[in-house]
């Protein structure tokens, strides 16, 4: 199958929100992996995952943090929904992203079942 064979249909784009920063690179990678697991579940549910953790992983120190944070909010503003990673409340960044989503009217889900229901509703004739 080529890209030309792929049927284009409007997909739900889901922003994955969770902790990134940690006290050691090992723990940062654990956060990235946890976010990627959630992103994979989004894809398997039939939506498109936008996982900022994987997008800028290991970019630490290459630009000021506000570059990544502003970029993440820009990406989030273009999404249809948000799904949080377990433990997200311990992250100031994830808390700010959830607050931003709420202000912008972007639905926030805390379990993959919510995304699966959203996909099912979108695909129901």
N, C-alpha and C. Protein backbone atom coordinates (compact mmCIF):
# COMPACT_ATOMS: atom_id res chain seq x y z
N UNK A 1 0.84 -1.17 0.00
CA UNK A 1 0.00 0.00 0.00
C UNK A 1 0.89 1.24 0.00
N UNK A 2 0.56 2.19 -0.81
CA UNK A 2 1.30 3.45 -0.85
C UNK A 2 0.49 4.52 -0.14
N UNK A 3 1.10 5.65 0.09
CA UNK A 3 0.38 6.76 0.71
C UNK A 3 -0.81 7.19 -0.14
N UNK A 4 -0.69 7.01 -1.44
CA UNK A 4 -1.80 7.37 -2.32
C UNK A 4 -3.01 6.46 -2.13
N UNK A 5 -2.79 5.27 -1.55
CA UNK A 5 -3.87 4.33 -1.33
C UNK A 5 -4.59 4.56 0.00
N UNK A 6 -4.05 5.40 0.85
CA UNK A 6 -4.63 5.63 2.16
C UNK A 6 -5.87 6.50 2.02
N UNK A 7 -6.97 6.04 2.60
CA UNK A 7 -8.20 6.81 2.58
C UNK A 7 -8.09 7.94 3.60
N UNK A 8 -8.23 9.16 3.13
CA UNK A 8 -8.16 10.30 4.02
C UNK A 8 -9.52 10.57 4.63
N UNK A 9 -9.56 10.53 5.94
CA UNK A 9 -10.79 10.86 6.66
C UNK A 9 -10.40 11.71 7.85
N UNK A 10 -11.31 12.54 8.26
CA UNK A 10 -11.05 13.43 9.39
C UNK A 10 -10.87 12.60 10.66
N UNK A 11 -9.70 12.69 11.24
CA UNK A 11 -9.40 11.94 12.48
C UNK A 11 -9.39 12.90 13.66
N UNK A 12 -9.67 12.37 14.82
CA UNK A 12 -9.58 13.12 16.06
C UNK A 12 -8.12 13.16 16.46
N UNK A 13 -7.62 14.36 16.74
CA UNK A 13 -6.23 14.53 17.15
C UNK A 13 -6.21 14.77 18.67
N UNK A 14 -5.45 13.93 19.35
CA UNK A 14 -5.43 13.93 20.81
C UNK A 14 -4.05 14.30 21.33
N UNK A 15 -3.99 15.32 22.16
CA UNK A 15 -2.75 15.77 22.80
C UNK A 15 -2.54 14.94 24.06
N UNK A 16 -1.36 14.39 24.22
CA UNK A 16 -1.02 13.59 25.40
C UNK A 16 -0.31 14.49 26.41
N UNK A 17 -0.90 14.63 27.60
CA UNK A 17 -0.36 15.52 28.63
C UNK A 17 0.10 14.73 29.85
N UNK A 18 1.34 14.96 30.23
CA UNK A 18 1.88 14.29 31.41
C UNK A 18 3.23 14.88 31.76
N UNK A 19 3.79 14.40 32.83
CA UNK A 19 5.08 14.89 33.31
C UNK A 19 6.18 14.62 32.29
N UNK A 20 7.13 15.54 32.20
CA UNK A 20 8.34 15.34 31.39
C UNK A 20 9.56 15.48 32.30
N UNK A 21 9.69 16.61 32.92
CA UNK A 21 10.88 16.89 33.74
C UNK A 21 11.01 15.92 34.91
N UNK A 22 12.25 15.71 35.32
CA UNK A 22 12.54 14.83 36.46
C UNK A 22 13.94 15.14 36.97
N UNK A 23 14.28 14.51 38.07
CA UNK A 23 15.56 14.78 38.73
C UNK A 23 16.75 14.15 38.01
N UNK A 24 16.51 13.17 37.17
CA UNK A 24 17.60 12.51 36.45
C UNK A 24 17.16 12.19 35.01
N UNK A 25 18.12 12.04 34.10
CA UNK A 25 17.75 11.64 32.73
C UNK A 25 16.99 10.32 32.69
N UNK A 26 17.33 9.41 33.58
CA UNK A 26 16.63 8.12 33.65
C UNK A 26 15.15 8.32 33.92
N UNK A 27 14.84 9.19 34.86
CA UNK A 27 13.43 9.46 35.21
C UNK A 27 12.73 10.23 34.10
N UNK A 28 13.44 11.12 33.42
CA UNK A 28 12.85 11.81 32.27
C UNK A 28 12.44 10.77 31.23
N UNK A 29 13.32 9.82 30.96
CA UNK A 29 13.00 8.77 29.98
C UNK A 29 11.80 7.93 30.43
N UNK A 30 11.65 7.73 31.73
CA UNK A 30 10.49 7.00 32.24
C UNK A 30 9.21 7.78 31.95
N UNK A 31 9.27 9.10 32.09
CA UNK A 31 8.10 9.93 31.77
C UNK A 31 7.80 9.89 30.28
N UNK A 32 8.84 9.96 29.46
CA UNK A 32 8.65 9.89 28.00
C UNK A 32 8.01 8.56 27.63
N UNK A 33 8.51 7.49 28.21
CA UNK A 33 7.97 6.16 27.90
C UNK A 33 6.50 6.04 28.33
N UNK A 34 6.17 6.57 29.50
CA UNK A 34 4.77 6.53 29.97
C UNK A 34 3.86 7.30 29.01
N UNK A 35 4.32 8.45 28.54
CA UNK A 35 3.53 9.24 27.59
C UNK A 35 3.39 8.51 26.26
N UNK A 36 4.45 7.86 25.83
CA UNK A 36 4.40 7.12 24.57
C UNK A 36 3.44 5.94 24.67
N UNK A 37 3.35 5.31 25.83
CA UNK A 37 2.39 4.21 26.03
C UNK A 37 0.97 4.73 25.87
N UNK A 38 0.69 5.90 26.44
CA UNK A 38 -0.64 6.50 26.30
C UNK A 38 -0.88 6.86 24.84
N UNK A 39 0.13 7.42 24.18
CA UNK A 39 -0.01 7.78 22.76
C UNK A 39 -0.33 6.55 21.91
N UNK A 40 0.32 5.45 22.19
CA UNK A 40 0.05 4.22 21.44
C UNK A 40 -1.40 3.78 21.64
N UNK A 41 -1.90 3.91 22.85
CA UNK A 41 -3.29 3.55 23.12
C UNK A 41 -4.25 4.45 22.33
N UNK A 42 -3.90 5.72 22.18
CA UNK A 42 -4.71 6.65 21.39
C UNK A 42 -4.77 6.18 19.94
N UNK A 43 -3.61 5.86 19.37
CA UNK A 43 -3.57 5.37 17.99
C UNK A 43 -4.41 4.10 17.85
N UNK A 44 -4.28 3.18 18.81
CA UNK A 44 -5.03 1.93 18.76
C UNK A 44 -6.53 2.14 18.89
N UNK A 45 -6.93 3.25 19.53
CA UNK A 45 -8.35 3.58 19.69
C UNK A 45 -8.93 4.20 18.43
N UNK A 46 -8.08 4.52 17.46
CA UNK A 46 -8.56 5.06 16.20
C UNK A 46 -8.40 6.55 16.04
N UNK A 47 -7.72 7.20 16.97
CA UNK A 47 -7.45 8.63 16.87
C UNK A 47 -5.97 8.83 16.53
N UNK A 48 -5.58 10.08 16.39
CA UNK A 48 -4.19 10.43 16.11
C UNK A 48 -3.61 11.04 17.39
N UNK A 49 -2.49 10.52 17.85
CA UNK A 49 -1.86 11.03 19.06
C UNK A 49 -0.79 12.05 18.73
N UNK A 50 -0.80 13.14 19.49
CA UNK A 50 0.27 14.11 19.43
C UNK A 50 0.94 14.05 20.79
N UNK A 51 2.15 13.51 20.81
CA UNK A 51 2.88 13.26 22.06
C UNK A 51 4.09 14.19 22.13
N UNK A 52 3.97 15.34 22.80
CA UNK A 52 5.08 16.29 22.84
C UNK A 52 6.33 15.72 23.51
N UNK A 53 6.15 14.76 24.39
CA UNK A 53 7.29 14.12 25.06
C UNK A 53 8.23 13.51 24.03
N UNK A 54 7.65 12.82 23.06
CA UNK A 54 8.45 12.17 22.03
C UNK A 54 8.94 13.17 20.98
N UNK A 55 8.20 14.25 20.82
CA UNK A 55 8.55 15.25 19.81
C UNK A 55 9.84 15.99 20.15
N UNK A 56 10.04 16.28 21.43
CA UNK A 56 11.23 17.06 21.82
C UNK A 56 12.08 16.36 22.87
N UNK A 57 11.94 15.07 22.99
CA UNK A 57 12.72 14.31 23.97
C UNK A 57 14.21 14.55 23.76
N UNK A 58 14.89 14.80 24.82
CA UNK A 58 16.35 14.98 24.85
C UNK A 58 16.80 16.31 24.23
N UNK A 59 15.87 17.25 24.01
CA UNK A 59 16.24 18.58 23.53
C UNK A 59 16.65 19.49 24.69
N UNK A 60 16.60 18.96 25.90
CA UNK A 60 16.91 19.75 27.11
C UNK A 60 18.17 20.58 26.93
N UNK A 61 18.06 21.89 27.22
CA UNK A 61 19.21 22.77 27.17
C UNK A 61 19.55 23.32 25.80
N UNK A 62 18.90 22.85 24.75
CA UNK A 62 19.19 23.32 23.39
C UNK A 62 18.51 24.65 23.08
N UNK A 63 17.50 24.98 23.85
CA UNK A 63 16.80 26.27 23.75
C UNK A 63 16.18 26.52 25.13
N UNK A 64 15.81 27.75 25.41
CA UNK A 64 15.15 28.01 26.70
C UNK A 64 13.86 27.19 26.83
N UNK A 65 13.54 26.79 28.06
CA UNK A 65 12.35 25.97 28.30
C UNK A 65 11.08 26.61 27.75
N UNK A 66 10.99 27.94 27.78
CA UNK A 66 9.76 28.57 27.31
C UNK A 66 9.51 28.33 25.83
N UNK A 67 10.56 28.02 25.06
CA UNK A 67 10.37 27.67 23.65
C UNK A 67 9.54 26.41 23.54
N UNK A 68 9.89 25.39 24.32
CA UNK A 68 9.16 24.11 24.27
C UNK A 68 7.75 24.29 24.83
N UNK A 69 7.64 25.03 25.92
CA UNK A 69 6.34 25.18 26.57
C UNK A 69 5.36 25.94 25.66
N UNK A 70 5.83 27.02 25.04
CA UNK A 70 4.98 27.78 24.12
C UNK A 70 4.61 26.92 22.91
N UNK A 71 5.57 26.16 22.42
CA UNK A 71 5.30 25.28 21.28
C UNK A 71 4.28 24.22 21.63
N UNK A 72 4.37 23.67 22.83
CA UNK A 72 3.40 22.66 23.25
C UNK A 72 1.99 23.23 23.31
N UNK A 73 1.85 24.46 23.83
CA UNK A 73 0.53 25.08 23.88
C UNK A 73 -0.01 25.37 22.48
N UNK A 74 0.87 25.74 21.57
CA UNK A 74 0.44 25.95 20.18
C UNK A 74 -0.07 24.64 19.59
N UNK A 75 0.65 23.56 19.82
CA UNK A 75 0.19 22.25 19.33
C UNK A 75 -1.15 21.87 19.96
N UNK A 76 -1.25 22.06 21.27
CA UNK A 76 -2.48 21.73 21.99
C UNK A 76 -3.66 22.52 21.44
N UNK A 77 -3.44 23.79 21.11
CA UNK A 77 -4.54 24.62 20.62
C UNK A 77 -5.13 24.10 19.32
N UNK A 78 -4.40 23.26 18.62
CA UNK A 78 -4.87 22.71 17.34
C UNK A 78 -5.47 21.31 17.47
N UNK A 79 -5.54 20.81 18.69
CA UNK A 79 -6.04 19.45 18.92
C UNK A 79 -7.54 19.44 19.23
N UNK A 80 -8.13 18.26 19.03
CA UNK A 80 -9.55 18.07 19.29
C UNK A 80 -9.83 17.64 20.72
N UNK A 81 -8.85 17.05 21.37
CA UNK A 81 -9.03 16.53 22.73
C UNK A 81 -7.66 16.36 23.38
N UNK A 82 -7.70 16.11 24.68
CA UNK A 82 -6.48 15.84 25.45
C UNK A 82 -6.72 14.57 26.25
N UNK A 83 -5.65 13.79 26.40
CA UNK A 83 -5.67 12.62 27.27
C UNK A 83 -4.49 12.74 28.21
N UNK A 84 -4.74 12.61 29.50
CA UNK A 84 -3.67 12.74 30.49
C UNK A 84 -3.00 11.40 30.76
N UNK A 85 -1.74 11.49 31.13
CA UNK A 85 -0.93 10.33 31.52
C UNK A 85 -1.12 10.16 33.03
N UNK A 86 -1.27 8.93 33.53
CA UNK A 86 -1.37 8.74 34.98
C UNK A 86 -0.24 9.47 35.71
N UNK A 87 -0.60 10.15 36.79
CA UNK A 87 0.36 10.92 37.56
C UNK A 87 0.52 12.36 37.09
N UNK A 88 -0.28 12.79 36.13
CA UNK A 88 -0.15 14.12 35.53
C UNK A 88 -0.29 15.24 36.54
N UNK A 89 -1.04 15.03 37.61
CA UNK A 89 -1.26 16.10 38.59
C UNK A 89 0.01 16.48 39.34
N UNK A 90 1.03 15.64 39.30
CA UNK A 90 2.31 15.95 39.95
C UNK A 90 3.18 16.87 39.09
N UNK A 91 2.73 17.18 37.89
CA UNK A 91 3.50 17.99 36.95
C UNK A 91 2.88 19.38 36.80
N UNK A 92 3.66 20.41 37.11
CA UNK A 92 3.18 21.78 36.93
C UNK A 92 2.87 22.05 35.46
N UNK A 93 3.70 21.51 34.58
CA UNK A 93 3.49 21.71 33.15
C UNK A 93 2.20 21.07 32.66
N UNK A 94 1.96 19.83 33.08
CA UNK A 94 0.73 19.15 32.68
C UNK A 94 -0.49 19.84 33.27
N UNK A 95 -0.37 20.31 34.50
CA UNK A 95 -1.48 21.04 35.13
C UNK A 95 -1.80 22.30 34.31
N UNK A 96 -0.77 23.00 33.86
CA UNK A 96 -0.97 24.21 33.04
C UNK A 96 -1.59 23.85 31.70
N UNK A 97 -1.19 22.73 31.12
CA UNK A 97 -1.77 22.30 29.85
C UNK A 97 -3.25 21.96 30.00
N UNK A 98 -3.60 21.29 31.08
CA UNK A 98 -5.01 20.97 31.33
C UNK A 98 -5.81 22.26 31.52
N UNK A 99 -5.26 23.20 32.26
CA UNK A 99 -5.93 24.48 32.47
C UNK A 99 -6.13 25.20 31.12
N UNK A 100 -5.10 25.19 30.29
CA UNK A 100 -5.18 25.81 28.96
C UNK A 100 -6.26 25.13 28.12
N UNK A 101 -6.29 23.81 28.14
CA UNK A 101 -7.31 23.06 27.38
C UNK A 101 -8.71 23.45 27.87
N UNK A 102 -8.88 23.53 29.17
CA UNK A 102 -10.18 23.91 29.72
C UNK A 102 -10.57 25.32 29.26
N UNK A 103 -9.63 26.24 29.28
CA UNK A 103 -9.90 27.62 28.85
C UNK A 103 -10.28 27.68 27.37
N UNK A 104 -9.68 26.83 26.55
CA UNK A 104 -9.92 26.81 25.11
C UNK A 104 -11.10 25.92 24.71
N UNK A 105 -11.71 25.26 25.69
CA UNK A 105 -12.84 24.38 25.39
C UNK A 105 -12.45 23.06 24.76
N UNK A 106 -11.21 22.65 24.97
CA UNK A 106 -10.73 21.37 24.45
C UNK A 106 -11.06 20.30 25.48
N UNK A 107 -11.83 19.28 25.12
CA UNK A 107 -12.20 18.26 26.09
C UNK A 107 -10.96 17.53 26.64
N UNK A 108 -10.97 17.31 27.95
CA UNK A 108 -9.87 16.64 28.63
C UNK A 108 -10.38 15.29 29.15
N UNK A 109 -9.67 14.23 28.80
CA UNK A 109 -10.01 12.88 29.24
C UNK A 109 -8.88 12.34 30.10
N UNK A 110 -9.25 11.49 31.04
CA UNK A 110 -8.26 10.91 31.95
C UNK A 110 -8.18 9.40 31.81
N UNK A 111 -8.88 8.87 30.82
CA UNK A 111 -8.84 7.43 30.55
C UNK A 111 -9.05 7.21 29.05
N UNK A 112 -8.42 6.20 28.51
CA UNK A 112 -8.49 5.93 27.07
C UNK A 112 -9.92 5.61 26.64
N UNK A 113 -10.74 5.12 27.53
CA UNK A 113 -12.12 4.80 27.18
C UNK A 113 -12.86 6.05 26.68
N UNK A 114 -12.54 7.21 27.23
CA UNK A 114 -13.17 8.44 26.77
C UNK A 114 -12.81 8.76 25.33
N UNK A 115 -11.57 8.51 24.97
CA UNK A 115 -11.13 8.74 23.59
C UNK A 115 -11.79 7.73 22.66
N UNK A 116 -11.86 6.48 23.09
CA UNK A 116 -12.50 5.44 22.27
C UNK A 116 -13.97 5.79 22.02
N UNK A 117 -14.66 6.31 23.03
CA UNK A 117 -16.05 6.72 22.85
C UNK A 117 -16.15 7.90 21.89
N UNK A 118 -15.23 8.84 22.00
CA UNK A 118 -15.20 9.99 21.10
C UNK A 118 -15.01 9.54 19.65
N UNK A 119 -14.11 8.61 19.43
CA UNK A 119 -13.88 8.07 18.08
C UNK A 119 -15.13 7.37 17.59
N UNK A 120 -15.74 6.58 18.43
CA UNK A 120 -16.95 5.85 18.04
C UNK A 120 -18.06 6.82 17.65
N UNK A 121 -18.22 7.88 18.43
CA UNK A 121 -19.24 8.89 18.10
C UNK A 121 -18.95 9.56 16.77
N UNK A 122 -17.69 9.86 16.52
CA UNK A 122 -17.30 10.51 15.26
C UNK A 122 -17.58 9.60 14.08
N UNK A 123 -17.42 8.29 14.28
CA UNK A 123 -17.57 7.34 13.17
C UNK A 123 -18.98 6.78 13.02
N UNK A 124 -19.90 7.20 13.91
CA UNK A 124 -21.27 6.72 13.82
C UNK A 124 -22.02 7.57 12.80
N UNK A 125 -22.63 6.91 11.80
CA UNK A 125 -23.35 7.67 10.77
C UNK A 125 -24.60 8.33 11.29
